[in-house]
PDB file of N, CA and C in Angstrom:
ATOM      1  N   UNK A   1      -7.578  51.156 -12.630  1.00  0.00           N
ATOM      2  CA  UNK A   1      -7.092  49.932 -13.244  1.00  0.00           C
ATOM      3  C   UNK A   1      -7.905  49.659 -14.501  1.00  0.00           C
ATOM      4  N   UNK A   2      -7.220  49.498 -15.595  1.00  0.00           N
ATOM      5  CA  UNK A   2      -7.873  49.172 -16.857  1.00  0.00           C
ATOM      6  C   UNK A   2      -7.823  47.654 -17.048  1.00  0.00           C
ATOM      7  N   UNK A   3      -8.897  46.995 -16.654  1.00  0.00           N
ATOM      8  CA  UNK A   3      -8.940  45.536 -16.723  1.00  0.00           C
ATOM      9  C   UNK A   3      -8.966  45.014 -18.152  1.00  0.00           C
ATOM     10  N   UNK A   4      -9.274  45.861 -19.114  1.00  0.00           N
ATOM     11  CA  UNK A   4      -9.304  45.428 -20.506  1.00  0.00           C
ATOM     12  C   UNK A   4      -7.897  45.176 -21.051  1.00  0.00           C
ATOM     13  N   UNK A   5      -6.861  45.705 -20.387  1.00  0.00           N
ATOM     14  CA  UNK A   5      -5.487  45.430 -20.796  1.00  0.00           C
ATOM     15  C   UNK A   5      -5.018  44.050 -20.345  1.00  0.00           C
ATOM     16  N   UNK A   6      -5.671  43.497 -19.341  1.00  0.00           N
ATOM     17  CA  UNK A   6      -5.218  42.222 -18.786  1.00  0.00           C
ATOM     18  C   UNK A   6      -5.326  41.055 -19.771  1.00  0.00           C
ATOM     19  N   UNK A   7      -6.412  40.922 -20.554  1.00  0.00           N
ATOM     20  CA  UNK A   7      -6.419  39.824 -21.538  1.00  0.00           C
ATOM     21  C   UNK A   7      -5.320  39.965 -22.590  1.00  0.00           C
ATOM     22  N   UNK A   8      -4.960  41.192 -22.941  1.00  0.00           N
ATOM     23  CA  UNK A   8      -3.866  41.411 -23.897  1.00  0.00           C
ATOM     24  C   UNK A   8      -2.547  40.960 -23.264  1.00  0.00           C
ATOM     25  N   UNK A   9      -2.349  41.319 -22.007  1.00  0.00           N
ATOM     26  CA  UNK A   9      -1.152  40.867 -21.292  1.00  0.00           C
ATOM     27  C   UNK A   9      -1.146  39.344 -21.197  1.00  0.00           C
ATOM     28  N   UNK A  10      -2.298  38.762 -20.921  1.00  0.00           N
ATOM     29  CA  UNK A  10      -2.402  37.305 -20.847  1.00  0.00           C
ATOM     30  C   UNK A  10      -2.079  36.632 -22.170  1.00  0.00           C
ATOM     31  N   UNK A  11      -2.533  37.212 -23.272  1.00  0.00           N
ATOM     32  CA  UNK A  11      -2.234  36.684 -24.599  1.00  0.00           C
ATOM     33  C   UNK A  11      -0.723  36.698 -24.846  1.00  0.00           C
ATOM     34  N   UNK A  12      -0.093  37.815 -24.530  1.00  0.00           N
ATOM     35  CA  UNK A  12       1.358  37.952 -24.676  1.00  0.00           C
ATOM     36  C   UNK A  12       2.089  36.897 -23.846  1.00  0.00           C
ATOM     37  N   UNK A  13       1.709  36.773 -22.586  1.00  0.00           N
ATOM     38  CA  UNK A  13       2.347  35.818 -21.684  1.00  0.00           C
ATOM     39  C   UNK A  13       2.088  34.389 -22.152  1.00  0.00           C
ATOM     40  N   UNK A  14       0.874  34.106 -22.587  1.00  0.00           N
ATOM     41  CA  UNK A  14       0.546  32.769 -23.064  1.00  0.00           C
ATOM     42  C   UNK A  14       1.341  32.365 -24.289  1.00  0.00           C
ATOM     43  N   UNK A  15       1.504  33.303 -25.217  1.00  0.00           N
ATOM     44  CA  UNK A  15       2.257  33.003 -26.430  1.00  0.00           C
ATOM     45  C   UNK A  15       3.736  32.758 -26.118  1.00  0.00           C
ATOM     46  N   UNK A  16       4.318  33.589 -25.253  1.00  0.00           N
ATOM     47  CA  UNK A  16       5.718  33.369 -24.879  1.00  0.00           C
ATOM     48  C   UNK A  16       5.879  32.096 -24.056  1.00  0.00           C
ATOM     49  N   UNK A  17       4.935  31.861 -23.162  1.00  0.00           N
ATOM     50  CA  UNK A  17       4.999  30.654 -22.353  1.00  0.00           C
ATOM     51  C   UNK A  17       4.865  29.395 -23.189  1.00  0.00           C
ATOM     52  N   UNK A  18       3.928  29.410 -24.130  1.00  0.00           N
ATOM     53  CA  UNK A  18       3.723  28.251 -24.983  1.00  0.00           C
ATOM     54  C   UNK A  18       4.858  28.016 -25.954  1.00  0.00           C
ATOM     55  N   UNK A  19       5.521  29.077 -26.353  1.00  0.00           N
ATOM     56  CA  UNK A  19       6.613  28.970 -27.321  1.00  0.00           C
ATOM     57  C   UNK A  19       7.944  28.629 -26.651  1.00  0.00           C
ATOM     58  N   UNK A  20       8.262  29.338 -25.578  1.00  0.00           N
ATOM     59  CA  UNK A  20       9.592  29.225 -24.985  1.00  0.00           C
ATOM     60  C   UNK A  20       9.591  28.621 -23.587  1.00  0.00           C
ATOM     61  N   UNK A  21       8.428  28.291 -23.048  1.00  0.00           N
ATOM     62  CA  UNK A  21       8.376  27.731 -21.706  1.00  0.00           C
ATOM     63  C   UNK A  21       8.697  28.739 -20.619  1.00  0.00           C
ATOM     64  N   UNK A  22       8.559  30.020 -20.951  1.00  0.00           N
ATOM     65  CA  UNK A  22       8.844  31.075 -19.977  1.00  0.00           C
ATOM     66  C   UNK A  22       7.719  31.100 -18.950  1.00  0.00           C
ATOM     67  N   UNK A  23       8.085  31.112 -17.683  1.00  0.00           N
ATOM     68  CA  UNK A  23       7.095  31.111 -16.622  1.00  0.00           C
ATOM     69  C   UNK A  23       6.248  32.369 -16.602  1.00  0.00           C
ATOM     70  N   UNK A  24       4.978  32.198 -16.333  1.00  0.00           N
ATOM     71  CA  UNK A  24       4.048  33.317 -16.339  1.00  0.00           C
ATOM     72  C   UNK A  24       4.369  34.405 -15.337  1.00  0.00           C
ATOM     73  N   UNK A  25       4.805  34.029 -14.142  1.00  0.00           N
ATOM     74  CA  UNK A  25       5.073  35.031 -13.114  1.00  0.00           C
ATOM     75  C   UNK A  25       6.234  35.934 -13.504  1.00  0.00           C
ATOM     76  N   UNK A  26       7.232  35.382 -14.179  1.00  0.00           N
ATOM     77  CA  UNK A  26       8.384  36.187 -14.597  1.00  0.00           C
ATOM     78  C   UNK A  26       7.937  37.296 -15.535  1.00  0.00           C
ATOM     79  N   UNK A  27       6.948  37.009 -16.350  1.00  0.00           N
ATOM     80  CA  UNK A  27       6.437  38.006 -17.285  1.00  0.00           C
ATOM     81  C   UNK A  27       5.318  38.837 -16.673  1.00  0.00           C
ATOM     82  N   UNK A  28       4.441  38.195 -15.930  1.00  0.00           N
ATOM     83  CA  UNK A  28       3.257  38.890 -15.424  1.00  0.00           C
ATOM     84  C   UNK A  28       3.539  39.882 -14.310  1.00  0.00           C
ATOM     85  N   UNK A  29       4.438  39.555 -13.410  1.00  0.00           N
ATOM     86  CA  UNK A  29       4.686  40.453 -12.281  1.00  0.00           C
ATOM     87  C   UNK A  29       5.123  41.837 -12.756  1.00  0.00           C
ATOM     88  N   UNK A  30       6.097  41.949 -13.669  1.00  0.00           N
ATOM     89  CA  UNK A  30       6.445  43.310 -14.118  1.00  0.00           C
ATOM     90  C   UNK A  30       5.307  43.994 -14.876  1.00  0.00           C
ATOM     91  N   UNK A  31       4.533  43.227 -15.632  1.00  0.00           N
ATOM     92  CA  UNK A  31       3.390  43.815 -16.341  1.00  0.00           C
ATOM     93  C   UNK A  31       2.386  44.362 -15.333  1.00  0.00           C
ATOM     94  N   UNK A  32       2.073  43.573 -14.313  1.00  0.00           N
ATOM     95  CA  UNK A  32       1.105  44.008 -13.304  1.00  0.00           C
ATOM     96  C   UNK A  32       1.631  45.191 -12.495  1.00  0.00           C
ATOM     97  N   UNK A  33       2.929  45.192 -12.198  1.00  0.00           N
ATOM     98  CA  UNK A  33       3.513  46.356 -11.519  1.00  0.00           C
ATOM     99  C   UNK A  33       3.363  47.599 -12.381  1.00  0.00           C
ATOM    100  N   UNK A  34       3.599  47.448 -13.686  1.00  0.00           N
ATOM    101  CA  UNK A  34       3.445  48.567 -14.611  1.00  0.00           C
ATOM    102  C   UNK A  34       2.024  49.062 -14.724  1.00  0.00           C
ATOM    103  N   UNK A  35       1.073  48.165 -14.459  1.00  0.00           N
ATOM    104  CA  UNK A  35      -0.337  48.546 -14.499  1.00  0.00           C
ATOM    105  C   UNK A  35      -0.833  49.103 -13.169  1.00  0.00           C
ATOM    106  N   UNK A  36       0.084  49.219 -12.194  1.00  0.00           N
ATOM    107  CA  UNK A  36      -0.283  49.861 -10.938  1.00  0.00           C
ATOM    108  C   UNK A  36      -0.552  48.929  -9.772  1.00  0.00           C
ATOM    109  N   UNK A  37      -0.365  47.635  -9.933  1.00  0.00           N
ATOM    110  CA  UNK A  37      -0.559  46.697  -8.824  1.00  0.00           C
ATOM    111  C   UNK A  37       0.566  46.886  -7.806  1.00  0.00           C
ATOM    112  N   UNK A  38       0.278  46.679  -6.524  1.00  0.00           N
ATOM    113  CA  UNK A  38       1.331  46.643  -5.514  1.00  0.00           C
ATOM    114  C   UNK A  38       2.128  45.355  -5.712  1.00  0.00           C
ATOM    115  N   UNK A  39       3.304  45.260  -5.078  1.00  0.00           N
ATOM    116  CA  UNK A  39       4.109  44.047  -5.234  1.00  0.00           C
ATOM    117  C   UNK A  39       3.356  42.814  -4.758  1.00  0.00           C
ATOM    118  N   UNK A  40       2.663  42.935  -3.636  1.00  0.00           N
ATOM    119  CA  UNK A  40       1.920  41.787  -3.115  1.00  0.00           C
ATOM    120  C   UNK A  40       0.784  41.392  -4.041  1.00  0.00           C
ATOM    121  N   UNK A  41       0.051  42.372  -4.537  1.00  0.00           N
ATOM    122  CA  UNK A  41      -1.063  42.073  -5.447  1.00  0.00           C
ATOM    123  C   UNK A  41      -0.552  41.530  -6.778  1.00  0.00           C
ATOM    124  N   UNK A  42       0.588  42.041  -7.267  1.00  0.00           N
ATOM    125  CA  UNK A  42       1.143  41.547  -8.529  1.00  0.00           C
ATOM    126  C   UNK A  42       1.563  40.088  -8.405  1.00  0.00           C
ATOM    127  N   UNK A  43       2.251  39.758  -7.326  1.00  0.00           N
ATOM    128  CA  UNK A  43       2.699  38.384  -7.126  1.00  0.00           C
ATOM    129  C   UNK A  43       1.494  37.467  -6.903  1.00  0.00           C
ATOM    130  N   UNK A  44       0.605  37.865  -6.014  1.00  0.00           N
ATOM    131  CA  UNK A  44      -0.568  37.032  -5.725  1.00  0.00           C
ATOM    132  C   UNK A  44      -1.458  36.829  -6.938  1.00  0.00           C
ATOM    133  N   UNK A  45      -1.718  37.899  -7.686  1.00  0.00           N
ATOM    134  CA  UNK A  45      -2.573  37.812  -8.864  1.00  0.00           C
ATOM    135  C   UNK A  45      -1.920  36.957  -9.937  1.00  0.00           C
ATOM    136  N   UNK A  46      -0.593  37.047 -10.068  1.00  0.00           N
ATOM    137  CA  UNK A  46       0.089  36.250 -11.093  1.00  0.00           C
ATOM    138  C   UNK A  46      -0.081  34.756 -10.836  1.00  0.00           C
ATOM    139  N   UNK A  47      -0.231  34.365  -9.564  1.00  0.00           N
ATOM    140  CA  UNK A  47      -0.394  32.947  -9.253  1.00  0.00           C
ATOM    141  C   UNK A  47      -1.725  32.378  -9.756  1.00  0.00           C
ATOM    142  N   UNK A  48      -2.730  33.213  -9.874  1.00  0.00           N
ATOM    143  CA  UNK A  48      -3.992  32.747 -10.473  1.00  0.00           C
ATOM    144  C   UNK A  48      -3.723  32.319 -11.907  1.00  0.00           C
ATOM    145  N   UNK A  49      -3.013  33.166 -12.629  1.00  0.00           N
ATOM    146  CA  UNK A  49      -2.677  32.854 -14.014  1.00  0.00           C
ATOM    147  C   UNK A  49      -1.761  31.635 -14.102  1.00  0.00           C
ATOM    148  N   UNK A  50      -0.766  31.578 -13.223  1.00  0.00           N
ATOM    149  CA  UNK A  50       0.170  30.458 -13.229  1.00  0.00           C
ATOM    150  C   UNK A  50      -0.587  29.139 -13.028  1.00  0.00           C
ATOM    151  N   UNK A  51      -1.551  29.127 -12.132  1.00  0.00           N
ATOM    152  CA  UNK A  51      -2.335  27.917 -11.885  1.00  0.00           C
ATOM    153  C   UNK A  51      -3.082  27.476 -13.139  1.00  0.00           C
ATOM    154  N   UNK A  52      -3.753  28.403 -13.780  1.00  0.00           N
ATOM    155  CA  UNK A  52      -4.532  28.069 -14.979  1.00  0.00           C
ATOM    156  C   UNK A  52      -3.606  27.588 -16.100  1.00  0.00           C
ATOM    157  N   UNK A  53      -2.503  28.288 -16.296  1.00  0.00           N
ATOM    158  CA  UNK A  53      -1.549  27.905 -17.339  1.00  0.00           C
ATOM    159  C   UNK A  53      -0.933  26.544 -17.023  1.00  0.00           C
ATOM    160  N   UNK A  54      -0.569  26.334 -15.767  1.00  0.00           N
ATOM    161  CA  UNK A  54       0.049  25.064 -15.381  1.00  0.00           C
ATOM    162  C   UNK A  54      -0.898  23.892 -15.611  1.00  0.00           C
ATOM    163  N   UNK A  55      -2.157  24.051 -15.240  1.00  0.00           N
ATOM    164  CA  UNK A  55      -3.115  22.965 -15.453  1.00  0.00           C
ATOM    165  C   UNK A  55      -3.330  22.694 -16.936  1.00  0.00           C
ATOM    166  N   UNK A  56      -3.410  23.760 -17.729  1.00  0.00           N
ATOM    167  CA  UNK A  56      -3.575  23.605 -19.176  1.00  0.00           C
ATOM    168  C   UNK A  56      -2.361  22.914 -19.787  1.00  0.00           C
ATOM    169  N   UNK A  57      -1.165  23.406 -19.446  1.00  0.00           N
ATOM    170  CA  UNK A  57       0.064  22.823 -19.986  1.00  0.00           C
ATOM    171  C   UNK A  57       0.251  21.389 -19.516  1.00  0.00           C
ATOM    172  N   UNK A  58      -0.102  21.109 -18.274  1.00  0.00           N
ATOM    173  CA  UNK A  58      -0.001  19.749 -17.755  1.00  0.00           C
ATOM    174  C   UNK A  58      -0.863  18.799 -18.573  1.00  0.00           C
ATOM    175  N   UNK A  59      -2.071  19.201 -18.872  1.00  0.00           N
ATOM    176  CA  UNK A  59      -2.952  18.364 -19.687  1.00  0.00           C
ATOM    177  C   UNK A  59      -2.390  18.173 -21.097  1.00  0.00           C
ATOM    178  N   UNK A  60      -1.915  19.262 -21.709  1.00  0.00           N
ATOM    179  CA  UNK A  60      -1.409  19.188 -23.084  1.00  0.00           C
ATOM    180  C   UNK A  60      -0.123  18.358 -23.174  1.00  0.00           C
ATOM    181  N   UNK A  61       0.841  18.643 -22.305  1.00  0.00           N
ATOM    182  CA  UNK A  61       2.096  17.895 -22.340  1.00  0.00           C
ATOM    183  C   UNK A  61       1.905  16.471 -21.821  1.00  0.00           C
ATOM    184  N   UNK A  62       0.995  16.290 -20.874  1.00  0.00           N
ATOM    185  CA  UNK A  62       0.685  14.943 -20.390  1.00  0.00           C
ATOM    186  C   UNK A  62       0.090  14.074 -21.488  1.00  0.00           C
ATOM    187  N   UNK A  63      -0.762  14.675 -22.321  1.00  0.00           N
ATOM    188  CA  UNK A  63      -1.363  13.908 -23.418  1.00  0.00           C
ATOM    189  C   UNK A  63      -0.327  13.504 -24.463  1.00  0.00           C
ATOM    190  N   UNK A  64       0.794  14.219 -24.512  1.00  0.00           N
ATOM    191  CA  UNK A  64       1.883  13.871 -25.429  1.00  0.00           C
ATOM    192  C   UNK A  64       2.847  12.855 -24.811  1.00  0.00           C
ATOM    193  N   UNK A  65       2.690  12.605 -23.514  1.00  0.00           N
ATOM    194  CA  UNK A  65       3.552  11.648 -22.826  1.00  0.00           C
ATOM    195  C   UNK A  65       4.978  12.129 -22.618  1.00  0.00           C
ATOM    196  N   UNK A  66       5.155  13.434 -22.486  1.00  0.00           N
ATOM    197  CA  UNK A  66       6.516  13.969 -22.373  1.00  0.00           C
ATOM    198  C   UNK A  66       6.811  14.558 -20.990  1.00  0.00           C
ATOM    199  N   UNK A  67       6.117  14.089 -19.979  1.00  0.00           N
ATOM    200  CA  UNK A  67       6.349  14.578 -18.616  1.00  0.00           C
ATOM    201  C   UNK A  67       7.113  13.526 -17.829  1.00  0.00           C
ATOM    202  N   UNK A  68       8.172  13.945 -17.175  1.00  0.00           N
ATOM    203  CA  UNK A  68       8.908  13.091 -16.251  1.00  0.00           C
ATOM    204  C   UNK A  68       8.263  13.301 -14.877  1.00  0.00           C
ATOM    205  N   UNK A  69       7.307  12.457 -14.536  1.00  0.00           N
ATOM    206  CA  UNK A  69       6.507  12.632 -13.321  1.00  0.00           C
ATOM    207  C   UNK A  69       7.353  12.560 -12.058  1.00  0.00           C
ATOM    208  N   UNK A  70       8.367  11.684 -12.046  1.00  0.00           N
ATOM    209  CA  UNK A  70       9.225  11.568 -10.865  1.00  0.00           C
ATOM    210  C   UNK A  70      10.003  12.865 -10.647  1.00  0.00           C
ATOM    211  N   UNK A  71      10.601  13.387 -11.712  1.00  0.00           N
ATOM    212  CA  UNK A  71      11.330  14.650 -11.604  1.00  0.00           C
ATOM    213  C   UNK A  71      10.379  15.772 -11.190  1.00  0.00           C
ATOM    214  N   UNK A  72       9.184  15.772 -11.766  1.00  0.00           N
ATOM    215  CA  UNK A  72       8.194  16.782 -11.416  1.00  0.00           C
ATOM    216  C   UNK A  72       7.825  16.745  -9.945  1.00  0.00           C
ATOM    217  N   UNK A  73       7.686  15.546  -9.392  1.00  0.00           N
ATOM    218  CA  UNK A  73       7.345  15.404  -7.972  1.00  0.00           C
ATOM    219  C   UNK A  73       8.460  15.944  -7.080  1.00  0.00           C
ATOM    220  N   UNK A  74       9.715  15.641  -7.433  1.00  0.00           N
ATOM    221  CA  UNK A  74      10.840  16.151  -6.650  1.00  0.00           C
ATOM    222  C   UNK A  74      10.933  17.677  -6.745  1.00  0.00           C
ATOM    223  N   UNK A  75      10.733  18.216  -7.952  1.00  0.00           N
ATOM    224  CA  UNK A  75      10.730  19.674  -8.121  1.00  0.00           C
ATOM    225  C   UNK A  75       9.621  20.314  -7.292  1.00  0.00           C
ATOM    226  N   UNK A  76       8.441  19.709  -7.337  1.00  0.00           N
ATOM    227  CA  UNK A  76       7.292  20.260  -6.612  1.00  0.00           C
ATOM    228  C   UNK A  76       7.550  20.278  -5.108  1.00  0.00           C
ATOM    229  N   UNK A  77       8.175  19.234  -4.593  1.00  0.00           N
ATOM    230  CA  UNK A  77       8.455  19.180  -3.153  1.00  0.00           C
ATOM    231  C   UNK A  77       9.345  20.352  -2.732  1.00  0.00           C
ATOM    232  N   UNK A  78      10.386  20.591  -3.489  1.00  0.00           N
ATOM    233  CA  UNK A  78      11.268  21.718  -3.177  1.00  0.00           C
ATOM    234  C   UNK A  78      10.581  23.055  -3.370  1.00  0.00           C
ATOM    235  N   UNK A  79       9.763  23.144  -4.397  1.00  0.00           N
ATOM    236  CA  UNK A  79       9.069  24.396  -4.698  1.00  0.00           C
ATOM    237  C   UNK A  79       8.103  24.771  -3.583  1.00  0.00           C
ATOM    238  N   UNK A  80       7.364  23.804  -3.073  1.00  0.00           N
ATOM    239  CA  UNK A  80       6.401  24.079  -2.000  1.00  0.00           C
ATOM    240  C   UNK A  80       7.117  24.641  -0.776  1.00  0.00           C
ATOM    241  N   UNK A  81       8.229  24.036  -0.409  1.00  0.00           N
ATOM    242  CA  UNK A  81       8.991  24.525   0.745  1.00  0.00           C
ATOM    243  C   UNK A  81       9.550  25.917   0.453  1.00  0.00           C
ATOM    244  N   UNK A  82      10.078  26.116  -0.758  1.00  0.00           N
ATOM    245  CA  UNK A  82      10.634  27.413  -1.131  1.00  0.00           C
ATOM    246  C   UNK A  82       9.607  28.528  -1.120  1.00  0.00           C
ATOM    247  N   UNK A  83       8.423  28.248  -1.635  1.00  0.00           N
ATOM    248  CA  UNK A  83       7.355  29.262  -1.634  1.00  0.00           C
ATOM    249  C   UNK A  83       6.935  29.596  -0.214  1.00  0.00           C
ATOM    250  N   UNK A  84       6.828  28.590   0.628  1.00  0.00           N
ATOM    251  CA  UNK A  84       6.447  28.833   2.024  1.00  0.00           C
ATOM    252  C   UNK A  84       7.499  29.705   2.715  1.00  0.00           C
ATOM    253  N   UNK A  85       8.770  29.367   2.531  1.00  0.00           N
ATOM    254  CA  UNK A  85       9.840  30.148   3.163  1.00  0.00           C
ATOM    255  C   UNK A  85       9.852  31.589   2.648  1.00  0.00           C
ATOM    256  N   UNK A  86       9.783  31.749   1.326  1.00  0.00           N
ATOM    257  CA  UNK A  86       9.836  33.092   0.745  1.00  0.00           C
ATOM    258  C   UNK A  86       8.634  33.936   1.153  1.00  0.00           C
ATOM    259  N   UNK A  87       7.457  33.348   1.124  1.00  0.00           N
ATOM    260  CA  UNK A  87       6.233  34.083   1.452  1.00  0.00           C
ATOM    261  C   UNK A  87       6.218  34.530   2.905  1.00  0.00           C
ATOM    262  N   UNK A  88       6.767  33.713   3.784  1.00  0.00           N
ATOM    263  CA  UNK A  88       6.728  34.024   5.207  1.00  0.00           C
ATOM    264  C   UNK A  88       7.940  34.793   5.724  1.00  0.00           C
ATOM    265  N   UNK A  89       9.104  34.625   5.100  1.00  0.00           N
ATOM    266  CA  UNK A  89      10.318  35.178   5.687  1.00  0.00           C
ATOM    267  C   UNK A  89      11.078  36.173   4.808  1.00  0.00           C
ATOM    268  N   UNK A  90      10.875  36.154   3.514  1.00  0.00           N
ATOM    269  CA  UNK A  90      11.628  37.061   2.637  1.00  0.00           C
ATOM    270  C   UNK A  90      10.729  38.178   2.113  1.00  0.00           C
ATOM    271  N   UNK A  91       9.661  37.811   1.439  1.00  0.00           N
ATOM    272  CA  UNK A  91       8.796  38.790   0.779  1.00  0.00           C
ATOM    273  C   UNK A  91       8.262  39.869   1.713  1.00  0.00           C
ATOM    274  N   UNK A  92       7.883  39.542   2.945  1.00  0.00           N
ATOM    275  CA  UNK A  92       7.360  40.595   3.834  1.00  0.00           C
ATOM    276  C   UNK A  92       8.388  41.690   4.164  1.00  0.00           C
ATOM    277  N   UNK A  93       9.671  41.395   3.991  1.00  0.00           N
ATOM    278  CA  UNK A  93      10.713  42.357   4.330  1.00  0.00           C
ATOM    279  C   UNK A  93      11.187  43.182   3.133  1.00  0.00           C
ATOM    280  N   UNK A  94      10.600  42.950   1.975  1.00  0.00           N
ATOM    281  CA  UNK A  94      10.975  43.703   0.780  1.00  0.00           C
ATOM    282  C   UNK A  94       9.949  44.804   0.542  1.00  0.00           C
ATOM    283  N   UNK A  95      10.389  46.066   0.633  1.00  0.00           N
ATOM    284  CA  UNK A  95       9.469  47.138   0.273  1.00  0.00           C
ATOM    285  C   UNK A  95       9.354  47.170  -1.257  1.00  0.00           C
ATOM    286  N   UNK A  96       8.512  48.045  -1.769  1.00  0.00           N
ATOM    287  CA  UNK A  96       8.241  48.078  -3.216  1.00  0.00           C
ATOM    288  C   UNK A  96       9.525  48.282  -4.028  1.00  0.00           C
ATOM    289  N   UNK A  97      10.364  49.209  -3.618  1.00  0.00           N
ATOM    290  CA  UNK A  97      11.580  49.507  -4.375  1.00  0.00           C
ATOM    291  C   UNK A  97      12.572  48.347  -4.307  1.00  0.00           C
ATOM    292  N   UNK A  98      12.806  47.829  -3.108  1.00  0.00           N
ATOM    293  CA  UNK A  98      13.731  46.707  -2.950  1.00  0.00           C
ATOM    294  C   UNK A  98      13.219  45.483  -3.704  1.00  0.00           C
ATOM    295  N   UNK A  99      11.918  45.275  -3.715  1.00  0.00           N
ATOM    296  CA  UNK A  99      11.326  44.164  -4.462  1.00  0.00           C
ATOM    297  C   UNK A  99      11.663  44.280  -5.945  1.00  0.00           C
ATOM    298  N   UNK A 100      11.541  45.482  -6.499  1.00  0.00           N
ATOM    299  CA  UNK A 100      11.842  45.690  -7.924  1.00  0.00           C
ATOM    300  C   UNK A 100      13.308  45.375  -8.217  1.00  0.00           C
ATOM    301  N   UNK A 101      14.224  45.831  -7.360  1.00  0.00           N
ATOM    302  CA  UNK A 101      15.637  45.517  -7.544  1.00  0.00           C
ATOM    303  C   UNK A 101      15.884  44.012  -7.435  1.00  0.00           C
ATOM    304  N   UNK A 102      15.261  43.383  -6.471  1.00  0.00           N
ATOM    305  CA  UNK A 102      15.388  41.930  -6.287  1.00  0.00           C
ATOM    306  C   UNK A 102      14.900  41.202  -7.533  1.00  0.00           C
ATOM    307  N   UNK A 103      13.747  41.614  -8.036  1.00  0.00           N
ATOM    308  CA  UNK A 103      13.152  40.968  -9.204  1.00  0.00           C
ATOM    309  C   UNK A 103      14.054  41.119 -10.431  1.00  0.00           C
ATOM    310  N   UNK A 104      14.565  42.321 -10.647  1.00  0.00           N
ATOM    311  CA  UNK A 104      15.466  42.563 -11.788  1.00  0.00           C
ATOM    312  C   UNK A 104      16.747  41.743 -11.628  1.00  0.00           C
ATOM    313  N   UNK A 105      17.260  41.647 -10.423  1.00  0.00           N
ATOM    314  CA  UNK A 105      18.459  40.845 -10.182  1.00  0.00           C
ATOM    315  C   UNK A 105      18.241  39.378 -10.510  1.00  0.00           C
ATOM    316  N   UNK A 106      17.095  38.852 -10.114  1.00  0.00           N
ATOM    317  CA  UNK A 106      16.766  37.458 -10.430  1.00  0.00           C
ATOM    318  C   UNK A 106      16.686  37.268 -11.941  1.00  0.00           C
ATOM    319  N   UNK A 107      16.015  38.180 -12.631  1.00  0.00           N
ATOM    320  CA  UNK A 107      15.904  38.082 -14.093  1.00  0.00           C
ATOM    321  C   UNK A 107      17.281  38.152 -14.749  1.00  0.00           C
ATOM    322  N   UNK A 108      18.150  39.027 -14.253  1.00  0.00           N
ATOM    323  CA  UNK A 108      19.500  39.153 -14.820  1.00  0.00           C
ATOM    324  C   UNK A 108      20.282  37.856 -14.631  1.00  0.00           C
ATOM    325  N   UNK A 109      20.185  37.254 -13.450  1.00  0.00           N
ATOM    326  CA  UNK A 109      20.887  35.988 -13.213  1.00  0.00           C
ATOM    327  C   UNK A 109      20.360  34.883 -14.129  1.00  0.00           C
ATOM    328  N   UNK A 110      19.065  34.825 -14.311  1.00  0.00           N
ATOM    329  CA  UNK A 110      18.482  33.831 -15.218  1.00  0.00           C
ATOM    330  C   UNK A 110      18.966  34.069 -16.643  1.00  0.00           C
ATOM    331  N   UNK A 111      18.971  35.321 -17.082  1.00  0.00           N
ATOM    332  CA  UNK A 111      19.427  35.653 -18.433  1.00  0.00           C
ATOM    333  C   UNK A 111      20.892  35.249 -18.627  1.00  0.00           C
ATOM    334  N   UNK A 112      21.746  35.526 -17.647  1.00  0.00           N
ATOM    335  CA  UNK A 112      23.161  35.159 -17.745  1.00  0.00           C
ATOM    336  C   UNK A 112      23.307  33.644 -17.829  1.00  0.00           C
ATOM    337  N   UNK A 113      22.578  32.932 -16.997  1.00  0.00           N
ATOM    338  CA  UNK A 113      22.620  31.473 -17.005  1.00  0.00           C
ATOM    339  C   UNK A 113      22.218  30.928 -18.381  1.00  0.00           C
ATOM    340  N   UNK A 114      21.126  31.412 -18.934  1.00  0.00           N
ATOM    341  CA  UNK A 114      20.640  30.945 -20.231  1.00  0.00           C
ATOM    342  C   UNK A 114      21.635  31.301 -21.332  1.00  0.00           C
ATOM    343  N   UNK A 115      22.173  32.498 -21.274  1.00  0.00           N
ATOM    344  CA  UNK A 115      23.094  32.967 -22.306  1.00  0.00           C
ATOM    345  C   UNK A 115      24.373  32.140 -22.355  1.00  0.00           C
ATOM    346  N   UNK A 116      24.917  31.785 -21.192  1.00  0.00           N
ATOM    347  CA  UNK A 116      26.200  31.090 -21.148  1.00  0.00           C
ATOM    348  C   UNK A 116      26.085  29.588 -20.954  1.00  0.00           C
ATOM    349  N   UNK A 117      24.874  29.061 -20.908  1.00  0.00           N
ATOM    350  CA  UNK A 117      24.672  27.607 -20.790  1.00  0.00           C
ATOM    351  C   UNK A 117      25.142  26.944 -22.074  1.00  0.00           C
ATOM    352  N   UNK A 118      25.951  25.909 -21.931  1.00  0.00           N
ATOM    353  CA  UNK A 118      26.468  25.215 -23.118  1.00  0.00           C
ATOM    354  C   UNK A 118      25.475  24.222 -23.632  1.00  0.00           C
TER     355      UNK A 118
END
């Protein structure tokens, strides 16, 4: 593992995240897989970055007064349940190859949604 590539990947992810609001895990997981991480290590490691980015962005956007805290709380409630369900019941049943297909499928659906959103 070449750990010196990770800050470069982080810079790339940070710039896209800061510019377009693209989530870190969507970008980091494929990068980490390409660097040789297992699916579990790629997902788990990406959450460290997501936490740091989320706290930084929360402070920056919070200081601008542009956060809908009520909407954020409702989103967070659903997200916590979703992560628990996926981590315990879905992810353990995806081998490395099936995980890659699943991940690409999710990205394709997101891309289609963004492309055709009016």
